[in-house]
Amino acid sequence: MNKTCPLLIVSLLLIFWACDTEEVEPDEERLGAAFFPLKVGLYNIYEVENIDYKITGEVVTANFQRKAEVVDSFTNQAGSISYIVHYSQRETENDPWEFSTAWTARKDGNQAVLVEENIPFIKISFPVENGKIWNGNALNALDSNLYEMDSLYSEYITPGQDTVASTLTVVQGDNQDFTVELDRRYEIYGLNIGLVYKEDILLQYCTDTDCLGQQQIESGHEYRQYLIDYGGE
């Protein structure tokens, strides 16, 4: 028997063992993780319109600008990196920013998570693909809310006429009953930009006999937020 054969076999086993135990970094481009960029210094500025319909019949409209800025990072209990995002507001671009709240965000391999007021939401599920469905509330105690991915890699033109070449849409709610309730919620994310548009509309309509089906708003809100500037500091 050739004495070199056992040595050859051992060498091959060692090579295979090394390949199996080598840690492989996730392919962020293939996963689509660049739709949710996280890096200290990144910021996005939005124009916001919020309309509140009070049960008393009063309608309160507010227009302002909102800034989201990644200011720091830390290693969380799971061993991954969480990023601290500061949110600030101002009425116009001529006003100083006023700090409003701090949330955290992270990417845990197959999902992008934003923790809003201590409530974690799975904003995007990786890898990205059209028609993909997941429970955005899987990490919290709220009722199940199925999100669906749509319009992957589509071009998007903002209300300010800026073009974002590659986006994906996450539909969080789309109950357009128009008789009892309108629930339309979705977010659009740009590649290497993050959130570029957010719409959150929940309207309760009058259901009395004399107004049923007339889309007479009794209460609710309309919230629209679109990107006007972004970058890194």
C-alpha atoms as a PDB file:
ATOM      1  CA  MET A   1       0.000   0.000   0.000  1.00  0.00           C
ATOM      2  CA  ASN A   2       1.250   3.457  -0.857  1.00  0.00           C
ATOM      3  CA  LYS A   3       2.245   5.180   2.413  1.00  0.00           C
ATOM      4  CA  THR A   4       1.408   8.605   1.013  1.00  0.00           C
ATOM      5  CA  CYS A   5      -2.309   7.789   0.815  1.00  0.00           C
ATOM      6  CA  PRO A   6      -3.078   8.141   4.547  1.00  0.00           C
ATOM      7  CA  LEU A   7      -1.227  11.454   4.601  1.00  0.00           C
ATOM      8  CA  LEU A   8      -3.200  12.628   1.574  1.00  0.00           C
ATOM      9  CA  ILE A   9      -6.503  11.630   3.190  1.00  0.00           C
ATOM     10  CA  VAL A  10      -5.621  13.421   6.421  1.00  0.00           C
ATOM     11  CA  SER A  11      -4.640  16.541   4.484  1.00  0.00           C
ATOM     12  CA  LEU A  12      -7.931  16.548   2.587  1.00  0.00           C
ATOM     13  CA  LEU A  13      -9.905  16.090   5.816  1.00  0.00           C
ATOM     14  CA  LEU A  14      -8.087  19.022   7.386  1.00  0.00           C
ATOM     15  CA  ILE A  15      -8.884  21.186   4.362  1.00  0.00           C
ATOM     16  CA  PHE A  16     -12.581  20.268   4.480  1.00  0.00           C
ATOM     17  CA  TRP A  17     -12.667  20.861   8.244  1.00  0.00           C
ATOM     18  CA  ALA A  18     -11.117  24.311   7.800  1.00  0.00           C
ATOM     19  CA  CYS A  19     -13.677  25.203   5.141  1.00  0.00           C
ATOM     20  CA  ASP A  20     -16.566  24.056   7.343  1.00  0.00           C
ATOM     21  CA  THR A  21     -15.414  25.981  10.399  1.00  0.00           C
ATOM     22  CA  GLU A  22     -14.465  29.193   8.622  1.00  0.00           C
ATOM     23  CA  GLU A  23     -16.900  31.982   9.434  1.00  0.00           C
ATOM     24  CA  VAL A  24     -18.506  33.297   6.261  1.00  0.00           C
ATOM     25  CA  GLU A  25     -19.555  36.940   6.246  1.00  0.00           C
ATOM     26  CA  PRO A  26     -23.114  37.527   4.957  1.00  0.00           C
ATOM     27  CA  ASP A  27     -23.422  38.939   1.457  1.00  0.00           C
ATOM     28  CA  GLU A  28     -25.219  42.210   2.254  1.00  0.00           C
ATOM     29  CA  GLU A  29     -25.723  43.081  -1.408  1.00  0.00           C
ATOM     30  CA  ARG A  30     -27.425  39.752  -2.126  1.00  0.00           C
ATOM     31  CA  LEU A  31     -29.511  39.956   1.046  1.00  0.00           C
ATOM     32  CA  GLY A  32     -30.608  43.524   0.314  1.00  0.00           C
ATOM     33  CA  ALA A  33     -29.349  44.792   3.672  1.00  0.00           C
ATOM     34  CA  ALA A  34     -28.209  48.017   1.993  1.00  0.00           C
ATOM     35  CA  PHE A  35     -31.857  49.130   1.972  1.00  0.00           C
ATOM     36  CA  PHE A  36     -31.412  49.627   5.728  1.00  0.00           C
ATOM     37  CA  PRO A  37     -27.963  51.226   6.090  1.00  0.00           C
ATOM     38  CA  LEU A  38     -26.601  51.691   9.608  1.00  0.00           C
ATOM     39  CA  LYS A  39     -23.425  53.645  10.271  1.00  0.00           C
ATOM     40  CA  VAL A  40     -22.561  56.313  12.798  1.00  0.00           C
ATOM     41  CA  GLY A  41     -22.846  59.715  11.134  1.00  0.00           C
ATOM     42  CA  LEU A  42     -25.587  58.863   8.624  1.00  0.00           C
ATOM     43  CA  TYR A  43     -28.608  61.156   8.637  1.00  0.00           C
ATOM     44  CA  ASN A  44     -31.914  61.569   6.775  1.00  0.00           C
ATOM     45  CA  ILE A  45     -34.092  64.679   6.774  1.00  0.00           C
ATOM     46  CA  TYR A  46     -37.812  64.497   6.019  1.00  0.00           C
ATOM     47  CA  GLU A  47     -40.721  66.801   5.337  1.00  0.00           C
ATOM     48  CA  VAL A  48     -43.718  65.708   7.409  1.00  0.00           C
ATOM     49  CA  GLU A  49     -47.445  66.378   7.178  1.00  0.00           C
ATOM     50  CA  ASN A  50     -49.661  65.144  10.008  1.00  0.00           C
ATOM     51  CA  ILE A  51     -53.437  65.580  10.105  1.00  0.00           C
ATOM     52  CA  ASP A  52     -55.438  64.599  13.186  1.00  0.00           C
ATOM     53  CA  TYR A  53     -59.220  64.221  12.955  1.00  0.00           C
ATOM     54  CA  LYS A  54     -60.684  64.658  16.427  1.00  0.00           C
ATOM     55  CA  ILE A  55     -63.915  62.962  17.512  1.00  0.00           C
ATOM     56  CA  THR A  56     -65.203  66.493  18.253  1.00  0.00           C
ATOM     57  CA  GLY A  57     -64.928  67.353  14.550  1.00  0.00           C
ATOM     58  CA  GLU A  58     -61.783  69.451  14.945  1.00  0.00           C
ATOM     59  CA  VAL A  59     -59.064  68.919  12.330  1.00  0.00           C
ATOM     60  CA  VAL A  60     -55.499  69.715  13.394  1.00  0.00           C
ATOM     61  CA  THR A  61     -52.794  69.923  10.727  1.00  0.00           C
ATOM     62  CA  ALA A  62     -49.077  70.113  11.468  1.00  0.00           C
ATOM     63  CA  ASN A  63     -46.218  70.536   9.012  1.00  0.00           C
ATOM     64  CA  PHE A  64     -42.617  70.189  10.142  1.00  0.00           C
ATOM     65  CA  GLN A  65     -39.235  68.672   9.339  1.00  0.00           C
ATOM     66  CA  ARG A  66     -37.815  65.587  11.021  1.00  0.00           C
ATOM     67  CA  LYS A  67     -34.217  64.429  11.188  1.00  0.00           C
ATOM     68  CA  ALA A  68     -33.009  60.899  11.921  1.00  0.00           C
ATOM     69  CA  GLU A  69     -29.296  60.675  12.740  1.00  0.00           C
ATOM     70  CA  VAL A  70     -27.215  57.657  13.763  1.00  0.00           C
ATOM     71  CA  VAL A  71     -25.133  59.013  16.645  1.00  0.00           C
ATOM     72  CA  ASP A  72     -23.563  55.978  18.333  1.00  0.00           C
ATOM     73  CA  SER A  73     -23.404  52.176  18.496  1.00  0.00           C
ATOM     74  CA  PHE A  74     -22.972  49.477  21.114  1.00  0.00           C
ATOM     75  CA  THR A  75     -22.813  45.688  21.456  1.00  0.00           C
ATOM     76  CA  ASN A  76     -26.230  44.415  22.568  1.00  0.00           C
ATOM     77  CA  GLN A  77     -27.043  41.373  24.720  1.00  0.00           C
ATOM     78  CA  ALA A  78     -27.275  39.121  21.652  1.00  0.00           C
ATOM     79  CA  GLY A  79     -23.721  40.036  20.677  1.00  0.00           C
ATOM     80  CA  SER A  80     -24.674  42.047  17.588  1.00  0.00           C
ATOM     81  CA  ILE A  81     -24.312  45.796  17.063  1.00  0.00           C
ATOM     82  CA  SER A  82     -27.174  48.159  17.860  1.00  0.00           C
ATOM     83  CA  TYR A  83     -27.156  51.767  16.661  1.00  0.00           C
ATOM     84  CA  ILE A  84     -28.591  54.737  18.527  1.00  0.00           C
ATOM     85  CA  VAL A  85     -30.737  56.961  16.297  1.00  0.00           C
ATOM     86  CA  HIS A  86     -31.604  60.473  17.460  1.00  0.00           C
ATOM     87  CA  TYR A  87     -34.758  62.089  16.102  1.00  0.00           C
ATOM     88  CA  SER A  88     -35.109  65.874  16.037  1.00  0.00           C
ATOM     89  CA  GLN A  89     -37.774  68.248  14.749  1.00  0.00           C
ATOM     90  CA  ARG A  90     -38.079  71.810  13.508  1.00  0.00           C
ATOM     91  CA  GLU A  91     -40.894  73.782  11.893  1.00  0.00           C
ATOM     92  CA  THR A  92     -38.871  75.125   8.957  1.00  0.00           C
ATOM     93  CA  GLU A  93     -35.320  74.832   7.628  1.00  0.00           C
ATOM     94  CA  ASN A  94     -34.550  78.214   9.217  1.00  0.00           C
ATOM     95  CA  ASP A  95     -35.285  76.932  12.728  1.00  0.00           C
ATOM     96  CA  PRO A  96     -32.822  75.069  14.983  1.00  0.00           C
ATOM     97  CA  TRP A  97     -33.263  71.322  15.473  1.00  0.00           C
ATOM     98  CA  GLU A  98     -34.903  70.283  18.746  1.00  0.00           C
ATOM     99  CA  PHE A  99     -34.242  66.772  20.038  1.00  0.00           C
ATOM    100  CA  SER A 100     -37.435  64.714  20.416  1.00  0.00           C
ATOM    101  CA  THR A 101     -36.534  61.048  21.048  1.00  0.00           C
ATOM    102  CA  ALA A 102     -33.905  58.313  20.688  1.00  0.00           C
ATOM    103  CA  TRP A 103     -34.570  54.869  19.217  1.00  0.00           C
ATOM    104  CA  THR A 104     -32.251  51.981  18.387  1.00  0.00           C
ATOM    105  CA  ALA A 105     -31.833  50.003  15.186  1.00  0.00           C
ATOM    106  CA  ARG A 106     -29.999  46.830  14.256  1.00  0.00           C
ATOM    107  CA  LYS A 107     -29.610  44.170  11.586  1.00  0.00           C
ATOM    108  CA  ASP A 108     -29.764  40.618  12.941  1.00  0.00           C
ATOM    109  CA  GLY A 109     -28.658  38.607   9.929  1.00  0.00           C
ATOM    110  CA  ASN A 110     -32.048  38.050   8.317  1.00  0.00           C
ATOM    111  CA  GLN A 111     -33.953  41.090   9.557  1.00  0.00           C
ATOM    112  CA  ALA A 112     -33.742  44.828  10.111  1.00  0.00           C
ATOM    113  CA  VAL A 113     -35.184  45.895  13.453  1.00  0.00           C
ATOM    114  CA  LEU A 114     -36.189  49.361  14.639  1.00  0.00           C
ATOM    115  CA  VAL A 115     -36.997  49.711  18.339  1.00  0.00           C
ATOM    116  CA  GLU A 116     -39.571  52.508  18.688  1.00  0.00           C
ATOM    117  CA  GLU A 117     -40.376  53.562  22.258  1.00  0.00           C
ATOM    118  CA  ASN A 118     -38.987  50.205  23.495  1.00  0.00           C
ATOM    119  CA  ILE A 119     -41.145  48.255  21.012  1.00  0.00           C
ATOM    120  CA  PRO A 120     -39.157  46.320  18.361  1.00  0.00           C
ATOM    121  CA  PHE A 121     -40.559  46.133  14.823  1.00  0.00           C
ATOM    122  CA  ILE A 122     -39.103  43.990  12.031  1.00  0.00           C
ATOM    123  CA  LYS A 123     -39.018  46.591   9.268  1.00  0.00           C
ATOM    124  CA  ILE A 124     -37.417  44.445   6.542  1.00  0.00           C
ATOM    125  CA  SER A 125     -36.902  40.693   6.239  1.00  0.00           C
ATOM    126  CA  PHE A 126     -33.831  39.438   4.377  1.00  0.00           C
ATOM    127  CA  PRO A 127     -33.169  38.289   1.733  1.00  0.00           C
ATOM    128  CA  VAL A 128     -35.412  40.726  -0.106  1.00  0.00           C
ATOM    129  CA  GLU A 129     -37.884  39.403  -2.674  1.00  0.00           C
ATOM    130  CA  ASN A 130     -41.187  40.509  -4.145  1.00  0.00           C
ATOM    131  CA  GLY A 131     -44.208  39.077  -2.380  1.00  0.00           C
ATOM    132  CA  LYS A 132     -42.321  38.097   0.768  1.00  0.00           C
ATOM    133  CA  ILE A 133     -44.517  38.154   3.891  1.00  0.00           C
ATOM    134  CA  TRP A 134     -43.493  38.290   7.564  1.00  0.00           C
ATOM    135  CA  ASN A 135     -44.913  39.323  10.920  1.00  0.00           C
ATOM    136  CA  GLY A 136     -43.610  42.790  11.709  1.00  0.00           C
ATOM    137  CA  ASN A 137     -44.643  42.298  15.354  1.00  0.00           C
ATOM    138  CA  ALA A 138     -42.881  38.952  15.831  1.00  0.00           C
ATOM    139  CA  LEU A 139     -40.487  40.468  18.410  1.00  0.00           C
ATOM    140  CA  ASN A 140     -43.110  42.287  20.497  1.00  0.00           C
ATOM    141  CA  ALA A 141     -46.350  41.517  22.326  1.00  0.00           C
ATOM    142  CA  LEU A 142     -48.658  43.310  19.885  1.00  0.00           C
ATOM    143  CA  ASP A 143     -51.133  41.481  17.670  1.00  0.00           C
ATOM    144  CA  SER A 144     -49.708  39.919  14.525  1.00  0.00           C
ATOM    145  CA  ASN A 145     -49.260  42.399  11.662  1.00  0.00           C
ATOM    146  CA  LEU A 146     -48.255  40.819   8.373  1.00  0.00           C
ATOM    147  CA  TYR A 147     -45.942  42.938   6.226  1.00  0.00           C
ATOM    148  CA  GLU A 148     -45.515  42.306   2.506  1.00  0.00           C
ATOM    149  CA  MET A 149     -42.605  43.321   0.281  1.00  0.00           C
ATOM    150  CA  ASP A 150     -43.483  44.873  -3.067  1.00  0.00           C
ATOM    151  CA  SER A 151     -42.012  46.844  -5.987  1.00  0.00           C
ATOM    152  CA  LEU A 152     -38.470  45.587  -5.392  1.00  0.00           C
ATOM    153  CA  TYR A 153     -35.713  47.572  -7.174  1.00  0.00           C
ATOM    154  CA  SER A 154     -38.263  50.040  -8.543  1.00  0.00           C
ATOM    155  CA  GLU A 155     -37.482  53.669  -9.295  1.00  0.00           C
ATOM    156  CA  TYR A 156     -39.220  56.136  -7.013  1.00  0.00           C
ATOM    157  CA  ILE A 157     -39.793  59.856  -7.464  1.00  0.00           C
ATOM    158  CA  THR A 158     -40.287  61.744  -4.217  1.00  0.00           C
ATOM    159  CA  PRO A 159     -42.956  64.443  -3.795  1.00  0.00           C
ATOM    160  CA  GLY A 160     -40.021  66.874  -4.091  1.00  0.00           C
ATOM    161  CA  GLN A 161     -39.300  65.449  -7.589  1.00  0.00           C
ATOM    162  CA  ASP A 162     -36.052  63.755  -6.556  1.00  0.00           C
ATOM    163  CA  THR A 163     -35.438  60.346  -8.138  1.00  0.00           C
ATOM    164  CA  VAL A 164     -34.353  57.338  -6.075  1.00  0.00           C
ATOM    165  CA  ALA A 165     -33.071  54.741  -8.552  1.00  0.00           C
ATOM    166  CA  SER A 166     -33.678  51.541  -6.551  1.00  0.00           C
ATOM    167  CA  THR A 167     -36.286  51.064  -3.832  1.00  0.00           C
ATOM    168  CA  LEU A 168     -38.474  48.476  -2.161  1.00  0.00           C
ATOM    169  CA  THR A 169     -41.902  48.968  -0.619  1.00  0.00           C
ATOM    170  CA  VAL A 170     -43.064  47.340   2.612  1.00  0.00           C
ATOM    171  CA  VAL A 171     -46.862  47.275   2.876  1.00  0.00           C
ATOM    172  CA  GLN A 172     -47.850  47.140   6.554  1.00  0.00           C
ATOM    173  CA  GLY A 173     -51.596  47.562   6.156  1.00  0.00           C
ATOM    174  CA  ASP A 174     -53.930  47.906   3.178  1.00  0.00           C
ATOM    175  CA  ASN A 175     -57.541  47.718   4.286  1.00  0.00           C
ATOM    176  CA  GLN A 176     -59.285  50.179   1.983  1.00  0.00           C
ATOM    177  CA  ASP A 177     -62.826  49.486   3.086  1.00  0.00           C
ATOM    178  CA  PHE A 178     -64.073  53.051   2.448  1.00  0.00           C
ATOM    179  CA  THR A 179     -67.263  52.193   4.356  1.00  0.00           C
ATOM    180  CA  VAL A 180     -66.182  51.649   7.958  1.00  0.00           C
ATOM    181  CA  GLU A 181     -62.423  52.148   8.103  1.00  0.00           C
ATOM    182  CA  LEU A 182     -59.450  53.026   5.951  1.00  0.00           C
ATOM    183  CA  ASP A 183     -56.139  51.539   7.101  1.00  0.00           C
ATOM    184  CA  ARG A 184     -53.270  52.201   4.692  1.00  0.00           C
ATOM    185  CA  ARG A 185     -49.685  51.970   5.940  1.00  0.00           C
ATOM    186  CA  TYR A 186     -46.515  51.483   3.947  1.00  0.00           C
ATOM    187  CA  GLU A 187     -42.848  52.462   3.866  1.00  0.00           C
ATOM    188  CA  ILE A 188     -40.462  52.842   0.923  1.00  0.00           C
ATOM    189  CA  TYR A 189     -36.739  52.208   1.375  1.00  0.00           C
ATOM    190  CA  GLY A 190     -33.985  53.366  -0.976  1.00  0.00           C
ATOM    191  CA  LEU A 191     -30.819  51.384  -1.640  1.00  0.00           C
ATOM    192  CA  ASN A 192     -27.947  52.796   0.480  1.00  0.00           C
ATOM    193  CA  ILE A 193     -30.348  55.496   1.750  1.00  0.00           C
ATOM    194  CA  GLY A 194     -32.879  53.872   4.049  1.00  0.00           C
ATOM    195  CA  LEU A 195     -36.413  55.173   4.546  1.00  0.00           C
ATOM    196  CA  VAL A 196     -37.424  57.608   1.788  1.00  0.00           C
ATOM    197  CA  TYR A 197     -41.208  57.686   2.252  1.00  0.00           C
ATOM    198  CA  LYS A 198     -43.677  56.703   4.961  1.00  0.00           C
ATOM    199  CA  GLU A 199     -47.450  56.851   4.848  1.00  0.00           C
ATOM    200  CA  ASP A 200     -49.689  55.996   7.804  1.00  0.00           C
ATOM    201  CA  ILE A 201     -53.419  56.608   7.328  1.00  0.00           C
ATOM    202  CA  LEU A 202     -56.111  55.347   9.693  1.00  0.00           C
ATOM    203  CA  LEU A 203     -59.588  56.818   9.296  1.00  0.00           C
ATOM    204  CA  GLN A 204     -62.837  55.846  10.983  1.00  0.00           C
ATOM    205  CA  TYR A 205     -65.927  56.677   8.909  1.00  0.00           C
ATOM    206  CA  CYS A 206     -69.408  57.494  10.082  1.00  0.00           C
ATOM    207  CA  THR A 207     -71.601  54.356  10.011  1.00  0.00           C
ATOM    208  CA  ASP A 208     -74.936  55.898  10.956  1.00  0.00           C
ATOM    209  CA  THR A 209     -77.816  55.248   8.557  1.00  0.00           C
ATOM    210  CA  ASP A 210     -77.781  58.766   7.119  1.00  0.00           C
ATOM    211  CA  CYS A 211     -74.009  58.805   6.415  1.00  0.00           C
ATOM    212  CA  LEU A 212     -73.035  55.170   5.802  1.00  0.00           C
ATOM    213  CA  GLY A 213     -70.791  54.816   2.757  1.00  0.00           C
ATOM    214  CA  GLN A 214     -70.266  58.560   2.350  1.00  0.00           C
ATOM    215  CA  GLN A 215     -66.678  58.458   3.726  1.00  0.00           C
ATOM    216  CA  GLN A 216     -67.515  61.043   6.368  1.00  0.00           C
ATOM    217  CA  ILE A 217     -64.517  60.997   8.711  1.00  0.00           C
ATOM    218  CA  GLU A 218     -65.340  60.685  12.404  1.00  0.00           C
ATOM    219  CA  SER A 219     -61.795  60.288  13.720  1.00  0.00           C
ATOM    220  CA  GLY A 220     -58.311  59.196  12.720  1.00  0.00           C
ATOM    221  CA  HIS A 221     -55.090  60.543  11.271  1.00  0.00           C
ATOM    222  CA  GLU A 222     -53.077  60.972   8.097  1.00  0.00           C
ATOM    223  CA  TYR A 223     -49.275  60.946   8.384  1.00  0.00           C
ATOM    224  CA  ARG A 224     -46.935  61.398   5.419  1.00  0.00           C
ATOM    225  CA  GLN A 225     -43.162  61.669   5.624  1.00  0.00           C
ATOM    226  CA  TYR A 226     -40.869  62.044   2.611  1.00  0.00           C
ATOM    227  CA  LEU A 227     -37.120  62.436   2.228  1.00  0.00           C
ATOM    228  CA  ILE A 228     -35.687  65.831   1.311  1.00  0.00           C
ATOM    229  CA  ASP A 229     -32.001  65.346   2.211  1.00  0.00           C
ATOM    230  CA  TYR A 230     -29.589  62.672   3.404  1.00  0.00           C
ATOM    231  CA  GLY A 231     -25.870  62.092   3.874  1.00  0.00           C
ATOM    232  CA  GLY A 232     -23.122  61.291   6.333  1.00  0.00           C
ATOM    233  CA  GLU A 233     -21.236  63.464   8.774  1.00  0.00           C
END
